[in-house]
């Protein structure tokens, strides 16, 4: 079976990132397999924030986490579970 990668990018560098943006990215990842059923879909949540802000952005990441096979911080820090 062929593999397809889907990435949803969430920019959390703003002072007050909106939860709605995280929800929209989660929907993209959630729907990916249904849209391309003939592929094995690898779902990647990419976000950008300073490592020091991970704690305050917990809610945003909690929305995205269940729908991503992998979370990657483009800002360099590792997401907390």
C-alpha atoms as a PDB file:
ATOM      1  CA  UNK A   1       0.000   0.000   0.000  1.00  0.00           C
ATOM      2  CA  UNK A   2       1.295   3.451  -0.877  1.00  0.00           C
ATOM      3  CA  UNK A   3       1.935   5.983   1.854  1.00  0.00           C
ATOM      4  CA  UNK A   4       0.829   9.605   1.929  1.00  0.00           C
ATOM      5  CA  UNK A   5       2.005  12.251   4.403  1.00  0.00           C
ATOM      6  CA  UNK A   6      -0.335  14.989   5.589  1.00  0.00           C
ATOM      7  CA  UNK A   7       0.995  17.870   7.669  1.00  0.00           C
ATOM      8  CA  UNK A   8      -1.096  20.465   9.469  1.00  0.00           C
ATOM      9  CA  UNK A   9       0.931  23.528  10.464  1.00  0.00           C
ATOM     10  CA  UNK A  10      -0.047  25.509  13.557  1.00  0.00           C
ATOM     11  CA  UNK A  11       1.756  28.792  14.273  1.00  0.00           C
ATOM     12  CA  UNK A  12       1.748  29.328  18.046  1.00  0.00           C
ATOM     13  CA  UNK A  13       4.212  32.225  18.097  1.00  0.00           C
ATOM     14  CA  UNK A  14       1.476  34.866  18.512  1.00  0.00           C
ATOM     15  CA  UNK A  15       0.834  36.319  21.966  1.00  0.00           C
ATOM     16  CA  UNK A  16      -2.643  34.740  22.143  1.00  0.00           C
ATOM     17  CA  UNK A  17      -2.979  31.899  19.638  1.00  0.00           C
ATOM     18  CA  UNK A  18      -6.590  30.907  19.014  1.00  0.00           C
ATOM     19  CA  UNK A  19      -7.895  27.482  19.956  1.00  0.00           C
ATOM     20  CA  UNK A  20     -10.032  27.559  16.807  1.00  0.00           C
ATOM     21  CA  UNK A  21      -6.883  27.353  14.684  1.00  0.00           C
ATOM     22  CA  UNK A  22      -5.793  24.213  16.526  1.00  0.00           C
ATOM     23  CA  UNK A  23      -9.274  22.737  16.035  1.00  0.00           C
ATOM     24  CA  UNK A  24      -9.171  23.450  12.300  1.00  0.00           C
ATOM     25  CA  UNK A  25      -5.791  21.713  11.970  1.00  0.00           C
ATOM     26  CA  UNK A  26      -7.130  18.744  13.948  1.00  0.00           C
ATOM     27  CA  UNK A  27     -10.055  18.428  11.510  1.00  0.00           C
ATOM     28  CA  UNK A  28      -7.631  18.361   8.565  1.00  0.00           C
ATOM     29  CA  UNK A  29      -5.674  15.514  10.147  1.00  0.00           C
ATOM     30  CA  UNK A  30      -8.824  13.671  11.196  1.00  0.00           C
ATOM     31  CA  UNK A  31     -10.304  13.755   7.690  1.00  0.00           C
ATOM     32  CA  UNK A  32      -7.092  12.858   5.855  1.00  0.00           C
ATOM     33  CA  UNK A  33      -7.623   9.088   5.800  1.00  0.00           C
ATOM     34  CA  UNK A  34     -11.220   9.395   4.583  1.00  0.00           C
ATOM     35  CA  UNK A  35     -10.213  11.711   1.741  1.00  0.00           C
ATOM     36  CA  UNK A  36      -7.487   9.388   0.435  1.00  0.00           C
ATOM     37  CA  UNK A  37      -8.615   5.897   1.485  1.00  0.00           C
ATOM     38  CA  UNK A  38      -6.284   4.024  -0.892  1.00  0.00           C
ATOM     39  CA  UNK A  39      -3.164   5.241   0.925  1.00  0.00           C
ATOM     40  CA  UNK A  40      -1.692   4.649   4.346  1.00  0.00           C
ATOM     41  CA  UNK A  41      -1.767   8.182   5.785  1.00  0.00           C
ATOM     42  CA  UNK A  42       0.950   9.473   8.110  1.00  0.00           C
ATOM     43  CA  UNK A  43      -0.492  12.499   9.936  1.00  0.00           C
ATOM     44  CA  UNK A  44       1.995  15.062  11.230  1.00  0.00           C
ATOM     45  CA  UNK A  45       1.150  18.040  13.407  1.00  0.00           C
ATOM     46  CA  UNK A  46       3.776  20.740  12.940  1.00  0.00           C
ATOM     47  CA  UNK A  47       3.717  23.712  15.288  1.00  0.00           C
ATOM     48  CA  UNK A  48       6.039  26.600  16.006  1.00  0.00           C
ATOM     49  CA  UNK A  49       6.681  28.059  19.429  1.00  0.00           C
ATOM     50  CA  UNK A  50       9.518  28.778  21.807  1.00  0.00           C
ATOM     51  CA  UNK A  51      10.230  25.823  24.120  1.00  0.00           C
ATOM     52  CA  UNK A  52       9.600  28.055  27.152  1.00  0.00           C
ATOM     53  CA  UNK A  53       5.966  28.577  26.051  1.00  0.00           C
ATOM     54  CA  UNK A  54       4.974  24.912  25.759  1.00  0.00           C
ATOM     55  CA  UNK A  55       3.273  24.913  29.167  1.00  0.00           C
ATOM     56  CA  UNK A  56       1.002  27.862  28.417  1.00  0.00           C
ATOM     57  CA  UNK A  57       0.032  26.375  25.044  1.00  0.00           C
ATOM     58  CA  UNK A  58      -1.032  23.024  26.484  1.00  0.00           C
ATOM     59  CA  UNK A  59      -4.684  23.457  25.406  1.00  0.00           C
ATOM     60  CA  UNK A  60      -3.749  24.171  21.791  1.00  0.00           C
ATOM     61  CA  UNK A  61      -1.534  21.092  21.603  1.00  0.00           C
ATOM     62  CA  UNK A  62      -4.079  18.927  23.443  1.00  0.00           C
ATOM     63  CA  UNK A  63      -6.580  19.609  20.645  1.00  0.00           C
ATOM     64  CA  UNK A  64      -4.107  18.602  17.925  1.00  0.00           C
ATOM     65  CA  UNK A  65      -2.384  15.654  19.664  1.00  0.00           C
ATOM     66  CA  UNK A  66      -5.127  12.958  19.331  1.00  0.00           C
ATOM     67  CA  UNK A  67      -5.253  13.389  15.547  1.00  0.00           C
ATOM     68  CA  UNK A  68      -1.524  13.449  14.807  1.00  0.00           C
ATOM     69  CA  UNK A  69       0.680  10.389  14.527  1.00  0.00           C
ATOM     70  CA  UNK A  70       3.587  12.692  15.278  1.00  0.00           C
ATOM     71  CA  UNK A  71       3.963  16.230  16.687  1.00  0.00           C
ATOM     72  CA  UNK A  72       6.966  18.317  15.704  1.00  0.00           C
ATOM     73  CA  UNK A  73       7.929  21.735  17.090  1.00  0.00           C
ATOM     74  CA  UNK A  74       9.459  23.706  14.245  1.00  0.00           C
ATOM     75  CA  UNK A  75      10.596  26.120  16.967  1.00  0.00           C
ATOM     76  CA  UNK A  76      12.973  23.481  18.338  1.00  0.00           C
ATOM     77  CA  UNK A  77      11.356  22.242  21.549  1.00  0.00           C
ATOM     78  CA  UNK A  78       9.731  18.883  22.159  1.00  0.00           C
ATOM     79  CA  UNK A  79       5.999  18.742  22.921  1.00  0.00           C
ATOM     80  CA  UNK A  80       5.013  17.548  26.360  1.00  0.00           C
ATOM     81  CA  UNK A  81       2.624  14.653  26.780  1.00  0.00           C
END
